[in-house]
């Protein structure tokens, strides 16, 4: 343990300000940032492979980032919080699909940026990679837009057919805020 503490003092401790700066950018307060840095230090000190870490500074920065992201994800509400509840007497989705007017109205409510990706996938049958290449996007960005468009379209259909659809506007606003 003595060698490990010396190693920690020589290679990890000199970068404390940088660790705290990163944690502060990733958290909501200085107190939380200090907690994240402390958690990362404990994890590093308690690991068995410390002597094999080539760049301790970078390793600590990665630990801090991972811990902050984990804490942030724990604070996020589940996706179910954004899905509109379906009334018991609402029509079954297969019945709703038959009404062409509802589908067209719902499609008109999806912003054109997302509608284009949605139509390329659902109507033209293009893969995500083909859509990405066609729109000059990364495959991940194309997939993100496709998922967002699908949720917006489903919410728009629900708004056309279900009463009330309170959460649909919340979901669309949340999704547009992420990518819009």
C-alpha atoms as a PDB file:
ATOM      1  CA  UNK A   1       0.000   0.000   0.000  1.00  0.00           C
ATOM      2  CA  UNK A   2       2.957   2.340   0.671  1.00  0.00           C
ATOM      3  CA  UNK A   3       4.194   2.174  -2.929  1.00  0.00           C
ATOM      4  CA  UNK A   4       0.689   2.810  -4.182  1.00  0.00           C
ATOM      5  CA  UNK A   5       0.284   5.910  -1.992  1.00  0.00           C
ATOM      6  CA  UNK A   6       3.653   7.260  -3.177  1.00  0.00           C
ATOM      7  CA  UNK A   7       2.596   6.622  -6.780  1.00  0.00           C
ATOM      8  CA  UNK A   8      -0.717   8.365  -6.104  1.00  0.00           C
ATOM      9  CA  UNK A   9       1.034  11.347  -4.513  1.00  0.00           C
ATOM     10  CA  UNK A  10       3.571  11.667  -7.358  1.00  0.00           C
ATOM     11  CA  UNK A  11       1.384  11.061 -10.409  1.00  0.00           C
ATOM     12  CA  UNK A  12      -2.244  11.699  -9.469  1.00  0.00           C
ATOM     13  CA  UNK A  13      -2.286  14.426  -6.811  1.00  0.00           C
ATOM     14  CA  UNK A  14      -0.464  17.125  -8.836  1.00  0.00           C
ATOM     15  CA  UNK A  15      -3.494  17.398 -11.143  1.00  0.00           C
ATOM     16  CA  UNK A  16      -6.131  17.997  -8.460  1.00  0.00           C
ATOM     17  CA  UNK A  17      -7.165  21.377  -9.885  1.00  0.00           C
ATOM     18  CA  UNK A  18      -7.774  19.832 -13.304  1.00  0.00           C
ATOM     19  CA  UNK A  19      -9.842  17.015 -11.788  1.00  0.00           C
ATOM     20  CA  UNK A  20     -11.961  19.445  -9.813  1.00  0.00           C
ATOM     21  CA  UNK A  21     -12.398  21.678 -12.855  1.00  0.00           C
ATOM     22  CA  UNK A  22     -13.701  18.790 -14.966  1.00  0.00           C
ATOM     23  CA  UNK A  23     -15.985  17.546 -12.191  1.00  0.00           C
ATOM     24  CA  UNK A  24     -17.339  21.065 -11.680  1.00  0.00           C
ATOM     25  CA  UNK A  25     -18.169  21.387 -15.377  1.00  0.00           C
ATOM     26  CA  UNK A  26     -20.001  18.054 -15.247  1.00  0.00           C
ATOM     27  CA  UNK A  27     -21.938  18.663 -12.019  1.00  0.00           C
ATOM     28  CA  UNK A  28     -24.325  21.171 -10.533  1.00  0.00           C
ATOM     29  CA  UNK A  29     -22.201  22.351  -7.580  1.00  0.00           C
ATOM     30  CA  UNK A  30     -18.692  22.479  -6.189  1.00  0.00           C
ATOM     31  CA  UNK A  31     -19.750  20.168  -3.383  1.00  0.00           C
ATOM     32  CA  UNK A  32     -20.931  17.529  -5.868  1.00  0.00           C
ATOM     33  CA  UNK A  33     -17.736  18.016  -7.882  1.00  0.00           C
ATOM     34  CA  UNK A  34     -15.605  17.338  -4.793  1.00  0.00           C
ATOM     35  CA  UNK A  35     -17.652  14.231  -4.074  1.00  0.00           C
ATOM     36  CA  UNK A  36     -17.103  12.984  -7.645  1.00  0.00           C
ATOM     37  CA  UNK A  37     -13.341  13.567  -7.422  1.00  0.00           C
ATOM     38  CA  UNK A  38     -13.203  11.815  -4.037  1.00  0.00           C
ATOM     39  CA  UNK A  39     -15.145   8.862  -5.419  1.00  0.00           C
ATOM     40  CA  UNK A  40     -12.732   8.617  -8.351  1.00  0.00           C
ATOM     41  CA  UNK A  41      -9.729   8.767  -6.022  1.00  0.00           C
ATOM     42  CA  UNK A  42     -11.125   6.009  -3.827  1.00  0.00           C
ATOM     43  CA  UNK A  43     -11.794   3.872  -6.868  1.00  0.00           C
ATOM     44  CA  UNK A  44      -8.259   4.448  -8.168  1.00  0.00           C
ATOM     45  CA  UNK A  45      -6.594   3.755  -4.811  1.00  0.00           C
ATOM     46  CA  UNK A  46      -8.606   0.579  -4.290  1.00  0.00           C
ATOM     47  CA  UNK A  47      -7.913  -0.888  -7.738  1.00  0.00           C
ATOM     48  CA  UNK A  48      -5.456  -3.773  -8.085  1.00  0.00           C
ATOM     49  CA  UNK A  49      -4.017  -2.727 -11.422  1.00  0.00           C
ATOM     50  CA  UNK A  50      -2.716   0.731 -10.460  1.00  0.00           C
ATOM     51  CA  UNK A  51       0.876  -0.081 -11.441  1.00  0.00           C
ATOM     52  CA  UNK A  52      -0.246  -0.853 -15.020  1.00  0.00           C
ATOM     53  CA  UNK A  53      -1.892   2.520 -15.580  1.00  0.00           C
ATOM     54  CA  UNK A  54       0.276   4.289 -18.155  1.00  0.00           C
ATOM     55  CA  UNK A  55      -1.247   7.775 -17.860  1.00  0.00           C
ATOM     56  CA  UNK A  56      -2.732   8.249 -14.355  1.00  0.00           C
ATOM     57  CA  UNK A  57      -3.926  11.791 -15.105  1.00  0.00           C
ATOM     58  CA  UNK A  58      -5.936  10.690 -18.117  1.00  0.00           C
ATOM     59  CA  UNK A  59      -7.218   7.635 -16.234  1.00  0.00           C
ATOM     60  CA  UNK A  60      -8.478   9.870 -13.397  1.00  0.00           C
ATOM     61  CA  UNK A  61     -10.134  12.257 -15.846  1.00  0.00           C
ATOM     62  CA  UNK A  62     -11.936   9.299 -17.433  1.00  0.00           C
ATOM     63  CA  UNK A  63     -13.011   7.990 -14.023  1.00  0.00           C
ATOM     64  CA  UNK A  64     -14.371  11.413 -13.091  1.00  0.00           C
ATOM     65  CA  UNK A  65     -16.246  11.672 -16.383  1.00  0.00           C
ATOM     66  CA  UNK A  66     -17.753   8.175 -15.984  1.00  0.00           C
ATOM     67  CA  UNK A  67     -18.818   8.808 -12.386  1.00  0.00           C
ATOM     68  CA  UNK A  68     -20.388  12.179 -13.294  1.00  0.00           C
ATOM     69  CA  UNK A  69     -22.287  10.660 -16.217  1.00  0.00           C
ATOM     70  CA  UNK A  70     -23.503   7.814 -13.996  1.00  0.00           C
ATOM     71  CA  UNK A  71     -24.760  10.312 -11.391  1.00  0.00           C
ATOM     72  CA  UNK A  72     -26.444  12.387 -14.101  1.00  0.00           C
ATOM     73  CA  UNK A  73     -28.206   9.332 -15.532  1.00  0.00           C
ATOM     74  CA  UNK A  74     -29.501   8.432 -12.087  1.00  0.00           C
ATOM     75  CA  UNK A  75     -31.148  11.863 -11.898  1.00  0.00           C
ATOM     76  CA  UNK A  76     -32.861  11.537 -15.295  1.00  0.00           C
ATOM     77  CA  UNK A  77     -36.506  10.507 -15.212  1.00  0.00           C
ATOM     78  CA  UNK A  78     -37.285   7.262 -16.958  1.00  0.00           C
ATOM     79  CA  UNK A  79     -38.514   7.418 -20.550  1.00  0.00           C
ATOM     80  CA  UNK A  80     -41.954   6.335 -19.308  1.00  0.00           C
ATOM     81  CA  UNK A  81     -42.351   9.779 -17.727  1.00  0.00           C
ATOM     82  CA  UNK A  82     -42.524  11.240 -21.245  1.00  0.00           C
ATOM     83  CA  UNK A  83     -44.973   8.780 -22.794  1.00  0.00           C
ATOM     84  CA  UNK A  84     -48.596   9.827 -22.884  1.00  0.00           C
ATOM     85  CA  UNK A  85     -50.926   7.524 -20.999  1.00  0.00           C
ATOM     86  CA  UNK A  86     -53.415   5.834 -23.294  1.00  0.00           C
ATOM     87  CA  UNK A  87     -57.030   5.962 -22.153  1.00  0.00           C
ATOM     88  CA  UNK A  88     -58.750   2.580 -21.778  1.00  0.00           C
ATOM     89  CA  UNK A  89     -61.297   3.368 -24.483  1.00  0.00           C
ATOM     90  CA  UNK A  90     -58.698   4.558 -27.020  1.00  0.00           C
ATOM     91  CA  UNK A  91     -58.741   2.763 -30.375  1.00  0.00           C
ATOM     92  CA  UNK A  92     -56.154   0.052 -30.984  1.00  0.00           C
ATOM     93  CA  UNK A  93     -53.128   1.189 -33.061  1.00  0.00           C
ATOM     94  CA  UNK A  94     -54.076  -1.085 -35.976  1.00  0.00           C
ATOM     95  CA  UNK A  95     -57.475   0.626 -36.174  1.00  0.00           C
ATOM     96  CA  UNK A  96     -55.791   4.044 -36.153  1.00  0.00           C
ATOM     97  CA  UNK A  97     -53.430   3.113 -38.985  1.00  0.00           C
ATOM     98  CA  UNK A  98     -56.368   2.602 -41.301  1.00  0.00           C
ATOM     99  CA  UNK A  99     -57.325   6.264 -41.165  1.00  0.00           C
ATOM    100  CA  UNK A 100     -55.191   7.954 -43.817  1.00  0.00           C
ATOM    101  CA  UNK A 101     -56.206  11.450 -42.712  1.00  0.00           C
ATOM    102  CA  UNK A 102     -54.907  10.917 -39.197  1.00  0.00           C
ATOM    103  CA  UNK A 103     -51.567   9.680 -40.528  1.00  0.00           C
ATOM    104  CA  UNK A 104     -51.192  12.620 -42.907  1.00  0.00           C
ATOM    105  CA  UNK A 105     -52.134  15.148 -40.219  1.00  0.00           C
ATOM    106  CA  UNK A 106     -49.694  13.541 -37.811  1.00  0.00           C
ATOM    107  CA  UNK A 107     -46.969  13.580 -40.445  1.00  0.00           C
ATOM    108  CA  UNK A 108     -47.572  17.295 -41.031  1.00  0.00           C
ATOM    109  CA  UNK A 109     -46.993  17.934 -37.317  1.00  0.00           C
ATOM    110  CA  UNK A 110     -43.490  16.416 -37.419  1.00  0.00           C
ATOM    111  CA  UNK A 111     -40.892  19.116 -38.261  1.00  0.00           C
ATOM    112  CA  UNK A 112     -39.438  18.776 -41.759  1.00  0.00           C
ATOM    113  CA  UNK A 113     -35.929  18.004 -40.478  1.00  0.00           C
ATOM    114  CA  UNK A 114     -37.269  14.856 -38.806  1.00  0.00           C
ATOM    115  CA  UNK A 115     -40.061  14.092 -41.281  1.00  0.00           C
ATOM    116  CA  UNK A 116     -37.523  13.672 -44.072  1.00  0.00           C
ATOM    117  CA  UNK A 117     -35.562  11.025 -42.134  1.00  0.00           C
ATOM    118  CA  UNK A 118     -38.796   9.306 -41.074  1.00  0.00           C
ATOM    119  CA  UNK A 119     -40.074   9.087 -44.657  1.00  0.00           C
ATOM    120  CA  UNK A 120     -36.724   7.905 -46.008  1.00  0.00           C
ATOM    121  CA  UNK A 121     -36.843   5.003 -43.581  1.00  0.00           C
ATOM    122  CA  UNK A 122     -40.570   4.159 -43.531  1.00  0.00           C
ATOM    123  CA  UNK A 123     -41.532   4.873 -47.147  1.00  0.00           C
ATOM    124  CA  UNK A 124     -38.341   4.435 -49.149  1.00  0.00           C
ATOM    125  CA  UNK A 125     -37.035   1.666 -46.881  1.00  0.00           C
ATOM    126  CA  UNK A 126     -33.493   3.069 -46.640  1.00  0.00           C
ATOM    127  CA  UNK A 127     -31.143   1.838 -43.930  1.00  0.00           C
ATOM    128  CA  UNK A 128     -29.764   4.204 -41.325  1.00  0.00           C
ATOM    129  CA  UNK A 129     -26.363   4.184 -43.051  1.00  0.00           C
ATOM    130  CA  UNK A 130     -27.971   5.051 -46.393  1.00  0.00           C
ATOM    131  CA  UNK A 131     -29.911   7.891 -44.777  1.00  0.00           C
ATOM    132  CA  UNK A 132     -26.741   9.167 -43.119  1.00  0.00           C
ATOM    133  CA  UNK A 133     -24.845   9.088 -46.408  1.00  0.00           C
ATOM    134  CA  UNK A 134     -27.705  10.781 -48.295  1.00  0.00           C
ATOM    135  CA  UNK A 135     -28.060  13.586 -45.723  1.00  0.00           C
ATOM    136  CA  UNK A 136     -24.313  13.834 -45.030  1.00  0.00           C
ATOM    137  CA  UNK A 137     -24.738  12.937 -41.354  1.00  0.00           C
ATOM    138  CA  UNK A 138     -22.989  10.486 -39.099  1.00  0.00           C
ATOM    139  CA  UNK A 139     -24.881   7.181 -38.702  1.00  0.00           C
ATOM    140  CA  UNK A 140     -25.386   7.966 -35.007  1.00  0.00           C
ATOM    141  CA  UNK A 141     -26.941  11.348 -35.814  1.00  0.00           C
ATOM    142  CA  UNK A 142     -29.183   9.773 -38.455  1.00  0.00           C
ATOM    143  CA  UNK A 143     -30.333   7.157 -35.932  1.00  0.00           C
ATOM    144  CA  UNK A 144     -30.968   9.861 -33.330  1.00  0.00           C
ATOM    145  CA  UNK A 145     -33.107  11.833 -35.774  1.00  0.00           C
ATOM    146  CA  UNK A 146     -34.964   8.694 -36.814  1.00  0.00           C
ATOM    147  CA  UNK A 147     -35.790   7.794 -33.216  1.00  0.00           C
ATOM    148  CA  UNK A 148     -36.835  11.374 -32.470  1.00  0.00           C
ATOM    149  CA  UNK A 149     -38.991  11.486 -35.604  1.00  0.00           C
ATOM    150  CA  UNK A 150     -40.650   8.180 -34.737  1.00  0.00           C
ATOM    151  CA  UNK A 151     -41.517   9.352 -31.224  1.00  0.00           C
ATOM    152  CA  UNK A 152     -42.823  12.667 -32.556  1.00  0.00           C
ATOM    153  CA  UNK A 153     -44.923  10.890 -35.168  1.00  0.00           C
ATOM    154  CA  UNK A 154     -46.394   8.472 -32.610  1.00  0.00           C
ATOM    155  CA  UNK A 155     -47.146  11.386 -30.287  1.00  0.00           C
ATOM    156  CA  UNK A 156     -48.803  13.275 -33.137  1.00  0.00           C
ATOM    157  CA  UNK A 157     -50.965  10.234 -33.965  1.00  0.00           C
ATOM    158  CA  UNK A 158     -51.877   9.974 -30.296  1.00  0.00           C
ATOM    159  CA  UNK A 159     -52.779  13.672 -30.214  1.00  0.00           C
ATOM    160  CA  UNK A 160     -55.035  13.128 -33.216  1.00  0.00           C
ATOM    161  CA  UNK A 161     -56.799  10.111 -31.711  1.00  0.00           C
ATOM    162  CA  UNK A 162     -56.459  10.235 -27.922  1.00  0.00           C
ATOM    163  CA  UNK A 163     -57.977  12.708 -25.531  1.00  0.00           C
ATOM    164  CA  UNK A 164     -56.187  14.055 -23.571  1.00  0.00           C
ATOM    165  CA  UNK A 165     -52.591  13.696 -24.724  1.00  0.00           C
ATOM    166  CA  UNK A 166     -50.925  15.870 -22.112  1.00  0.00           C
ATOM    167  CA  UNK A 167     -47.474  14.325 -22.224  1.00  0.00           C
ATOM    168  CA  UNK A 168     -47.086  14.479 -26.014  1.00  0.00           C
ATOM    169  CA  UNK A 169     -46.232  18.190 -26.028  1.00  0.00           C
ATOM    170  CA  UNK A 170     -43.811  17.596 -23.153  1.00  0.00           C
ATOM    171  CA  UNK A 171     -42.073  14.795 -25.062  1.00  0.00           C
ATOM    172  CA  UNK A 172     -41.820  16.812 -28.282  1.00  0.00           C
ATOM    173  CA  UNK A 173     -40.402  19.787 -26.392  1.00  0.00           C
ATOM    174  CA  UNK A 174     -37.914  17.568 -24.603  1.00  0.00           C
ATOM    175  CA  UNK A 175     -36.784  15.933 -27.824  1.00  0.00           C
ATOM    176  CA  UNK A 176     -36.553  19.211 -29.745  1.00  0.00           C
ATOM    177  CA  UNK A 177     -34.506  20.685 -26.930  1.00  0.00           C
ATOM    178  CA  UNK A 178     -31.983  17.836 -27.246  1.00  0.00           C
ATOM    179  CA  UNK A 179     -31.536  17.932 -30.986  1.00  0.00           C
ATOM    180  CA  UNK A 180     -33.258  21.030 -32.285  1.00  0.00           C
END
